[in-house]
Protein backbone atom coordinates (compact mmCIF):
# COMPACT_ATOMS: atom_id res chain seq x y z
CA MET A 1 45.26 232.18 -48.73
CA ASP A 2 43.96 229.40 -50.91
CA ARG A 3 44.05 225.98 -49.37
CA VAL A 4 46.58 223.66 -51.05
CA ASN A 5 44.89 220.72 -52.74
CA ALA A 6 46.01 217.49 -51.13
CA THR A 7 46.00 215.72 -54.49
CA THR A 8 48.68 216.81 -56.94
CA PRO A 9 47.76 217.04 -60.65
CA SER A 10 50.06 214.10 -61.45
CA ALA A 11 48.51 211.94 -58.74
CA SER A 12 45.02 212.91 -59.89
CA SER A 13 45.89 212.04 -63.49
CA ALA A 14 47.33 208.69 -62.45
CA SER A 15 44.23 207.92 -60.39
CA SER A 16 41.98 208.81 -63.31
CA ALA A 17 43.99 206.60 -65.68
CA ASP A 18 43.82 203.71 -63.19
CA ASP A 19 40.05 204.10 -62.92
CA LEU A 20 39.68 204.07 -66.70
CA ALA A 21 41.85 200.96 -66.99
CA ARG A 22 39.79 199.13 -64.38
CA ALA A 23 36.56 200.15 -66.06
CA ALA A 24 37.86 198.90 -69.42
CA PHE A 25 38.85 195.60 -67.85
CA ALA A 26 35.44 195.22 -66.21
CA ALA A 27 33.81 195.78 -69.60
CA LEU A 28 35.87 192.95 -71.10
CA ARG A 29 34.38 190.52 -68.59
CA THR A 30 30.79 191.27 -69.60
CA PRO A 31 29.05 188.94 -72.09
CA GLU A 32 29.59 191.56 -74.81
CA GLY A 33 33.29 191.86 -73.98
CA GLU A 34 33.77 188.10 -73.89
CA GLN A 35 32.04 187.80 -77.26
CA LEU A 36 34.40 190.36 -78.75
CA LEU A 37 37.45 188.59 -77.35
CA ALA A 38 36.29 185.28 -78.78
CA GLU A 39 35.78 186.92 -82.18
CA LEU A 40 39.26 188.47 -82.07
CA ARG A 41 41.11 185.31 -81.08
CA ASP A 42 42.70 184.75 -84.48
CA HIS A 43 42.62 188.27 -85.86
CA ASP A 44 45.60 189.62 -87.78
CA PRO A 45 47.11 192.70 -86.07
CA ALA A 46 48.01 194.01 -89.53
CA ASP A 47 44.26 194.39 -90.21
CA GLU A 48 43.53 196.07 -86.89
CA LEU A 49 42.34 199.39 -88.33
CA ALA A 50 39.78 197.74 -90.59
CA THR A 51 38.73 195.41 -87.77
CA ALA A 52 38.26 198.28 -85.35
CA THR A 53 36.19 200.23 -87.90
CA ARG A 54 33.92 197.24 -88.47
CA LEU A 55 33.45 196.41 -84.79
CA ARG A 56 32.68 200.00 -83.79
CA ARG A 57 29.53 199.85 -85.88
CA ALA A 58 28.07 197.43 -83.34
CA HIS A 59 30.02 198.03 -80.12
CA PRO A 60 31.18 201.03 -78.05
CA ALA A 61 34.50 202.43 -79.25
CA GLN A 62 36.16 202.09 -75.81
CA LEU A 63 35.16 198.43 -75.54
CA VAL A 64 36.49 197.71 -79.02
CA SER A 65 39.79 199.39 -78.17
CA ALA A 66 40.09 197.42 -74.93
CA ALA A 67 39.24 194.14 -76.67
CA LEU A 68 41.79 194.71 -79.42
CA GLY A 69 44.45 195.49 -76.85
CA GLN A 70 43.63 192.37 -74.85
CA ALA A 71 43.61 190.26 -78.01
CA ARG A 72 47.13 191.45 -78.82
CA LEU A 73 48.29 190.60 -75.29
CA ARG A 74 46.78 187.12 -75.48
CA GLN A 75 48.58 186.44 -78.74
CA ARG A 76 51.88 187.52 -77.13
CA ALA A 77 51.15 185.40 -74.06
CA VAL A 78 50.85 182.15 -76.03
CA ALA A 79 54.65 181.80 -76.03
CA LYS A 80 54.70 181.75 -72.21
CA PHE A 81 51.38 180.19 -71.29
CA GLY A 82 50.40 178.07 -74.28
CA ALA A 83 47.32 178.69 -76.39
CA LEU A 84 44.94 176.72 -74.17
CA ASP A 85 45.56 178.99 -71.17
CA ALA A 86 46.51 182.25 -72.88
CA TYR A 87 43.20 182.60 -74.72
CA ARG A 88 41.25 182.14 -71.49
CA MET A 89 43.39 184.46 -69.37
CA TYR A 90 43.62 188.23 -69.05
CA PHE A 91 46.79 190.31 -69.17
CA THR A 92 48.30 193.72 -68.71
CA PRO A 93 51.19 194.82 -70.96
CA ASN A 94 53.74 194.59 -68.14
CA GLY A 95 52.14 191.40 -66.91
CA VAL A 96 52.78 189.61 -70.20
CA GLU A 97 56.36 190.81 -70.29
CA GLN A 98 57.23 189.94 -66.71
CA ALA A 99 55.09 186.88 -65.93
CA THR A 100 56.89 183.63 -65.26
CA ARG A 101 56.86 181.16 -68.14
CA THR A 102 54.52 178.26 -67.37
CA SER A 103 57.25 175.62 -67.59
CA VAL A 104 59.41 177.49 -65.05
CA ALA A 105 56.50 178.19 -62.71
CA ALA A 106 55.47 174.52 -62.86
CA HIS A 107 59.02 173.43 -62.00
CA ARG A 108 59.09 175.70 -58.96
CA ALA A 109 55.62 174.60 -57.86
CA ALA A 110 56.62 170.95 -58.16
CA ARG A 111 59.67 171.60 -55.99
CA PHE A 112 57.50 173.30 -53.35
CA ALA A 113 55.12 170.34 -53.43
CA GLY A 114 58.02 167.91 -53.14
CA LEU A 115 59.11 169.70 -49.99
CA GLY A 116 55.70 169.02 -48.46
CA VAL A 117 54.38 172.55 -48.90
CA ARG A 118 50.57 172.77 -48.95
CA SER A 119 50.04 176.53 -48.65
CA VAL A 120 52.00 179.48 -50.02
CA ALA A 121 51.83 183.24 -49.56
CA ASP A 122 52.63 184.55 -53.06
CA LEU A 123 53.78 188.13 -52.47
CA CYS A 124 53.86 190.46 -55.50
CA CYS A 125 51.77 187.97 -57.47
CA GLY A 126 51.35 190.07 -60.63
CA ILE A 127 48.78 188.57 -63.01
CA GLY A 128 48.97 185.24 -61.19
CA GLY A 129 51.23 183.02 -63.30
CA ASP A 130 53.02 181.47 -60.32
CA ALA A 131 49.83 181.24 -58.25
CA ILE A 132 48.24 179.24 -61.08
CA ALA A 133 51.15 176.78 -61.20
CA LEU A 134 51.11 176.38 -57.41
CA ALA A 135 47.37 175.73 -57.38
CA ARG A 136 47.72 173.15 -60.14
CA ALA A 137 50.27 171.40 -57.93
CA GLY A 138 47.58 171.11 -55.26
CA ILE A 139 48.85 174.02 -53.14
CA SER A 140 46.49 176.65 -51.73
CA VAL A 141 47.69 180.18 -52.42
CA LEU A 142 47.25 183.64 -50.99
CA ALA A 143 48.17 185.87 -53.96
CA VAL A 144 48.94 189.48 -53.01
CA ASP A 145 49.52 192.56 -55.14
CA ARG A 146 49.05 196.16 -54.14
CA ASP A 147 47.79 197.38 -57.51
CA PRO A 148 43.99 197.09 -57.79
CA LEU A 149 43.90 196.34 -61.52
CA THR A 150 46.66 193.74 -61.27
CA ALA A 151 44.84 192.05 -58.39
CA GLU A 152 41.62 192.02 -60.42
CA VAL A 153 43.42 190.44 -63.36
CA ALA A 154 44.96 187.77 -61.12
CA ARG A 155 41.54 186.99 -59.64
CA ALA A 156 39.98 186.78 -63.09
CA ASN A 157 42.70 184.39 -64.24
CA ALA A 158 42.19 182.09 -61.24
CA GLU A 159 38.47 181.97 -62.00
CA ALA A 160 38.96 181.54 -65.75
CA LEU A 161 41.16 178.49 -65.20
CA GLY A 162 38.89 176.94 -62.57
CA LEU A 163 41.30 177.54 -59.69
CA GLY A 164 39.31 180.08 -57.71
CA GLU A 165 38.87 177.74 -54.74
CA LEU A 166 42.62 177.33 -54.32
CA ILE A 167 43.70 180.93 -54.98
CA GLU A 168 42.68 183.82 -52.76
CA VAL A 169 43.68 187.15 -54.32
CA ARG A 170 44.17 190.11 -52.03
CA CYS A 171 44.94 193.71 -52.98
CA ALA A 172 47.28 194.82 -50.21
CA ASP A 173 50.72 196.05 -49.25
CA VAL A 174 52.86 192.89 -49.12
CA THR A 175 54.88 194.24 -46.19
CA GLU A 176 51.73 194.14 -44.07
CA ILE A 177 50.82 190.51 -44.80
CA ASP A 178 51.04 188.02 -41.93
CA THR A 179 52.67 184.98 -43.53
CA ALA A 180 52.79 182.90 -40.34
CA PRO A 181 49.78 180.71 -41.28
CA TYR A 182 51.45 179.53 -44.51
CA ASP A 183 53.90 176.68 -45.11
CA ALA A 184 56.01 178.80 -47.46
CA VAL A 185 56.53 182.26 -48.89
CA PHE A 186 57.22 183.12 -52.52
CA VAL A 187 58.35 186.65 -53.45
CA ASP A 188 58.74 187.95 -56.99
CA PRO A 189 59.88 191.58 -56.68
CA ALA A 190 59.57 194.06 -59.53
CA ARG A 191 62.90 194.42 -61.30
CA ARG A 192 62.16 197.28 -63.65
CA GLY A 193 62.29 201.04 -63.23
CA ALA A 194 59.21 203.21 -63.13
CA GLY A 195 59.56 204.30 -66.74
CA GLY A 196 60.08 207.98 -66.03
CA GLY A 197 57.39 208.29 -63.38
CA ALA A 198 57.73 208.32 -59.64
CA ALA A 199 59.25 205.19 -58.23
CA ARG A 200 56.87 202.76 -56.58
CA SER A 201 57.32 202.06 -52.90
CA ALA A 202 58.65 198.81 -51.54
CA SER A 203 55.14 197.52 -50.83
CA GLY A 204 54.73 195.53 -53.99
CA ARG A 205 54.78 195.74 -57.71
CA GLY A 206 52.53 198.66 -58.27
CA GLY A 207 50.94 198.57 -61.72
CA GLY A 208 51.76 194.93 -62.14
CA ARG A 209 55.37 195.68 -63.08
CA ALA A 210 56.99 199.00 -63.87
CA ALA A 211 57.59 199.64 -67.55
CA GLY A 212 61.03 201.22 -67.32
CA GLY A 213 64.46 199.67 -67.79
CA ARG A 214 65.79 196.67 -65.92
CA ILE A 215 67.12 197.15 -62.40
CA PHE A 216 70.45 195.50 -61.63
CA ASP A 217 70.85 196.53 -57.99
CA PRO A 218 68.91 193.99 -55.86
CA GLU A 219 68.28 196.69 -53.26
CA ALA A 220 66.43 198.69 -55.93
CA TYR A 221 63.93 195.86 -56.45
CA SER A 222 60.42 196.58 -55.22
CA PRO A 223 60.39 195.34 -52.51
CA PRO A 224 64.20 195.29 -51.98
CA LEU A 225 66.02 191.97 -51.80
CA SER A 226 66.91 192.63 -48.15
CA TRP A 227 63.21 192.86 -47.22
CA ALA A 228 62.37 189.78 -49.27
CA THR A 229 65.21 187.84 -47.65
CA ALA A 230 64.03 188.82 -44.17
CA ALA A 231 60.51 187.66 -45.05
CA ALA A 232 61.91 184.39 -46.39
CA LEU A 233 63.94 183.67 -43.27
CA LYS A 234 60.81 183.99 -41.12
CA ALA A 235 59.03 181.26 -43.06
CA PRO A 236 59.56 177.47 -42.78
CA ARG A 237 60.39 177.47 -46.49
CA ALA A 238 60.67 180.21 -49.08
CA ALA A 239 61.70 181.05 -52.62
CA LEU A 240 62.69 184.44 -54.02
CA LYS A 241 62.66 185.01 -57.77
CA ILE A 242 65.57 187.23 -58.83
CA ALA A 243 67.30 188.33 -62.01
CA PRO A 244 69.70 185.65 -63.34
CA GLY A 245 72.51 188.19 -63.51
CA ILE A 246 72.57 188.76 -59.75
CA PRO A 247 76.15 188.99 -58.41
CA HIS A 248 77.03 185.92 -56.38
CA GLU A 249 78.26 188.13 -53.56
CA ALA A 250 74.69 189.44 -53.16
CA ILE A 251 73.47 185.93 -52.29
CA GLY A 252 73.51 185.29 -48.56
CA PRO A 253 74.92 182.07 -47.04
CA GLN A 254 71.45 180.90 -45.93
CA ALA A 255 70.22 180.52 -49.53
CA GLU A 256 70.48 177.78 -52.11
CA ALA A 257 70.77 179.54 -55.47
CA GLU A 258 69.18 177.94 -58.53
CA TRP A 259 69.48 179.15 -62.11
CA ILE A 260 66.85 177.87 -64.54
CA SER A 261 67.06 177.69 -68.32
CA ASP A 262 64.26 176.69 -70.67
CA GLY A 263 65.09 175.49 -74.16
CA GLY A 264 68.66 176.72 -73.69
CA ASP A 265 67.72 180.26 -72.62
CA VAL A 266 68.35 181.33 -69.02
CA LYS A 267 65.03 182.55 -67.65
CA GLU A 268 65.55 183.33 -64.00
CA ALA A 269 67.28 182.59 -60.73
CA VAL A 270 65.64 181.52 -57.50
CA LEU A 271 66.93 181.73 -53.94
CA TRP A 272 65.59 178.89 -51.78
CA TYR A 273 65.44 178.97 -47.98
CA GLY A 274 64.38 176.70 -45.15
CA GLU A 275 63.87 173.03 -44.44
CA GLY A 276 65.04 170.64 -47.15
CA ILE A 277 67.30 173.26 -48.78
CA ALA A 278 71.10 173.09 -49.02
CA PRO A 279 72.34 176.51 -47.84
CA GLY A 280 75.31 177.92 -49.73
CA SER A 281 74.97 175.54 -52.67
CA PHE A 282 74.53 176.39 -56.35
CA ARG A 283 72.24 174.62 -58.80
CA ALA A 284 71.56 174.73 -62.53
CA THR A 285 68.26 173.30 -63.78
CA LEU A 286 67.50 172.68 -67.44
CA LEU A 287 63.94 172.59 -68.75
CA PRO A 288 62.05 170.86 -70.21
CA SER A 289 64.18 167.84 -69.22
CA GLY A 290 64.43 168.81 -65.54
CA ALA A 291 68.11 167.84 -65.42
CA THR A 292 69.77 169.42 -62.40
CA LEU A 293 73.47 169.96 -61.70
CA SER A 294 74.48 171.09 -58.24
CA ALA A 295 77.54 171.63 -56.10
CA PRO A 296 77.92 172.55 -52.42
CA ALA A 297 80.36 175.33 -53.36
CA PRO A 298 82.23 176.53 -56.45
CA LEU A 299 85.17 174.31 -57.43
CA PRO A 300 88.69 175.67 -57.95
CA ALA A 301 89.48 177.28 -61.30
CA PRO A 302 89.68 174.58 -64.00
CA PRO A 303 92.80 173.96 -66.10
CA VAL A 304 93.39 175.77 -69.39
CA GLY A 305 94.95 174.14 -72.43
CA PRO A 306 95.03 173.74 -76.20
CA VAL A 307 91.95 173.05 -78.28
CA GLY A 308 91.29 169.34 -78.63
CA ARG A 309 89.17 167.40 -81.05
CA TYR A 310 85.93 168.29 -79.26
CA LEU A 311 84.42 171.56 -78.00
CA TYR A 312 81.59 171.83 -75.47
CA GLU A 313 79.31 174.80 -74.93
CA PRO A 314 77.79 174.74 -71.40
CA ASP A 315 74.17 175.70 -70.91
CA GLY A 316 73.74 179.29 -69.74
CA ALA A 317 72.32 178.19 -66.38
CA VAL A 318 75.50 176.20 -65.72
CA ILE A 319 77.60 179.26 -66.52
CA ARG A 320 75.51 181.56 -64.33
CA ALA A 321 75.73 179.08 -61.45
CA HIS A 322 79.55 178.97 -61.79
CA LEU A 323 79.45 175.21 -62.35
CA VAL A 324 81.58 175.07 -65.50
CA ALA A 325 84.50 173.70 -63.47
CA ASP A 326 82.31 170.78 -62.46
CA LEU A 327 81.77 169.86 -66.12
CA VAL A 328 85.47 170.28 -66.91
CA GLU A 329 86.25 167.79 -64.16
CA ARG A 330 83.59 165.35 -65.36
CA CYS A 331 84.84 165.26 -68.95
CA GLY A 332 88.53 165.34 -68.06
CA GLY A 333 88.94 168.41 -70.24
CA ARG A 334 90.08 171.98 -69.96
CA LEU A 335 89.05 175.53 -70.87
CA VAL A 336 90.31 177.09 -74.11
CA ASP A 337 90.91 180.34 -72.22
CA GLU A 338 90.72 181.16 -68.53
CA THR A 339 88.03 183.81 -69.16
CA ILE A 340 85.91 181.89 -71.72
CA ALA A 341 83.31 179.22 -70.89
CA TYR A 342 84.19 176.87 -73.74
CA ILE A 343 85.38 173.41 -72.69
CA THR A 344 87.58 171.25 -74.88
CA SER A 345 88.68 167.63 -74.69
CA ASP A 346 90.35 164.96 -76.78
CA GLU A 347 87.61 162.38 -76.14
CA PRO A 348 83.84 162.69 -76.72
CA PHE A 349 81.71 163.55 -73.72
CA SER A 350 77.92 163.30 -73.48
CA SER A 351 75.98 165.42 -71.00
CA PRO A 352 72.63 167.24 -70.95
CA TYR A 353 74.46 170.30 -69.65
CA VAL A 354 76.54 170.93 -72.78
CA ALA A 355 76.17 171.09 -76.54
CA GLY A 356 79.06 169.22 -78.14
CA TYR A 357 80.91 169.87 -81.42
CA ARG A 358 83.65 168.11 -83.35
CA ILE A 359 86.29 170.68 -84.29
CA THR A 360 87.82 170.43 -87.77
CA ASP A 361 89.80 173.68 -87.95
CA GLU A 362 91.49 176.16 -85.63
CA LEU A 363 92.56 179.45 -87.25
CA PRO A 364 93.72 182.87 -86.10
CA PHE A 365 90.87 185.33 -86.57
CA SER A 366 90.69 186.48 -90.20
CA MET A 367 87.59 187.27 -92.22
CA LYS A 368 89.47 186.62 -95.43
CA ARG A 369 90.72 183.17 -94.38
CA LEU A 370 87.30 182.18 -93.07
CA LYS A 371 85.61 183.23 -96.34
CA ALA A 372 88.08 181.20 -98.37
CA LEU A 373 87.64 178.12 -96.19
CA LEU A 374 83.83 178.28 -96.33
CA ARG A 375 83.92 178.71 -100.10
CA GLU A 376 86.22 175.72 -100.41
CA ARG A 377 83.92 173.61 -98.18
CA ARG A 378 80.83 174.83 -100.11
CA VAL A 379 79.13 176.00 -96.91
CA GLY A 380 75.75 177.60 -97.51
CA VAL A 381 74.44 177.48 -93.92
CA LEU A 382 76.67 178.91 -91.21
CA THR A 383 75.91 178.97 -87.49
CA VAL A 384 77.95 181.65 -85.72
CA LYS A 385 78.63 181.43 -82.00
CA LYS A 386 80.80 183.80 -80.05
CA ARG A 387 82.30 184.37 -76.63
CA GLY A 388 84.98 186.97 -76.11
CA SER A 389 84.57 188.47 -79.60
CA ALA A 390 83.14 191.82 -80.67
CA VAL A 391 82.16 190.58 -84.15
CA GLU A 392 78.42 190.53 -84.81
CA PRO A 393 77.19 187.19 -86.22
CA GLU A 394 74.85 188.74 -88.80
CA GLU A 395 77.59 191.00 -90.11
CA LEU A 396 79.97 188.06 -90.41
CA ARG A 397 77.41 185.97 -92.30
CA ARG A 398 76.73 188.86 -94.67
CA ARG A 399 80.41 189.27 -95.49
CA MET A 400 80.94 185.53 -96.10
CA LYS A 401 78.58 185.49 -99.15
CA LEU A 402 77.63 181.89 -98.37
CA SER A 403 76.78 179.45 -101.12
CA GLY A 404 76.63 175.66 -101.23
CA PRO A 405 74.84 172.59 -99.87
CA ASN A 406 76.87 172.12 -96.69
CA ALA A 407 76.57 173.49 -93.14
CA ALA A 408 79.14 174.41 -90.50
CA THR A 409 79.49 176.12 -87.14
CA VAL A 410 82.12 178.75 -86.43
CA PHE A 411 83.11 179.82 -82.91
CA LEU A 412 84.57 183.30 -82.58
CA THR A 413 86.47 183.28 -79.33
CA ARG A 414 89.84 183.55 -77.65
CA VAL A 415 92.28 180.70 -77.19
CA ALA A 416 95.00 181.44 -74.64
CA GLY A 417 94.15 185.13 -75.06
CA ALA A 418 94.42 185.21 -78.87
CA PRO A 419 91.40 185.92 -81.15
CA THR A 420 90.62 182.57 -82.77
CA MET A 421 88.14 180.90 -85.11
CA LEU A 422 87.10 177.31 -84.43
CA ILE A 423 85.15 175.54 -87.18
CA GLY A 424 83.21 172.36 -86.55
CA HIS A 425 79.95 170.43 -86.57
CA PRO A 426 77.46 169.44 -83.85
CA LEU A 427 77.94 165.99 -82.38
CA GLY A 428 75.17 163.54 -83.15
């Protein structure tokens, strides 16, 4: 009887692909690879075929392919890391997609530093975005990822940014790391499926981050939220990065939950544990201002009433943190509908946590009536916002056939359960 090979064909293929990827990355860090990357900094992806043909006359085809791929990733990474860092760093496709935005990572690092933290075990470090922010805050970091290529990329990034002395990168199973010597633990589990392949184990990200669809069950994270929480509770202080859509019932009573938005877009949620944290509280933080709204527990349901002269749209982090009632109380207003996060009041209210509008018209939903009103007002620029409506903004704009020098904002929503259009203009 033939002996069964201990390595399955799929495992062998995966290992071979990993080896090729690491070899390609190593080639990029040679003088020839660095020269190619510098030359490709500002290249136009639309001209990639011609560029590749030209470069292959002087360089190996595999190196050219790797350099072009890395150049594309660096261009994508500028939005998260800024040009100064992005063009010195190295990336994997999943690493660019899943890495923490610099502004968010810097906020978290500053909060760690403010708590007196001087050393952090960064578990599931990916390409090192959070480790970089922590090091820049003067914190020494053990950055751990179980995927060899991802660990190499993180190490290269620490060196490229001059932070190698503060960041130790280790390729290891995060569940086997002794975090006792560190002031704090930070865990950023993978929150994407394996993209059709075998699921990774709970020992870390695997290939940086899996390329499949988003995972909504916190116990399907890699490692699971329950493991990450247990690791956090063993540390003096800890932070767990989670998806902003996490159900509130999945958040344990020991955690302070913080939702963070940047430029109005909700980026992530963080569960904080340990000394200096307010267990059971909810927080919304807005970047770049750093404004923070918090409450020890959700307030009772706010009142509902008719649309007043002003309408306020809470920031997404405030909505996710269930702090809309706090804003309703502050402005002395009410909701337009018990299921819709639009606040209305009869007096103006200024707050960094809301965008305010002066309402000029309230109409039952009707495309025909809206088109007539916009034509009468000579509106050529229309901003469409919606909550509780199935109408697509682009389709509505197309059907309005806009023309004129004026601008307006229309809210497609429900008022006391009825489909309604609110027309107005931004305050200020």
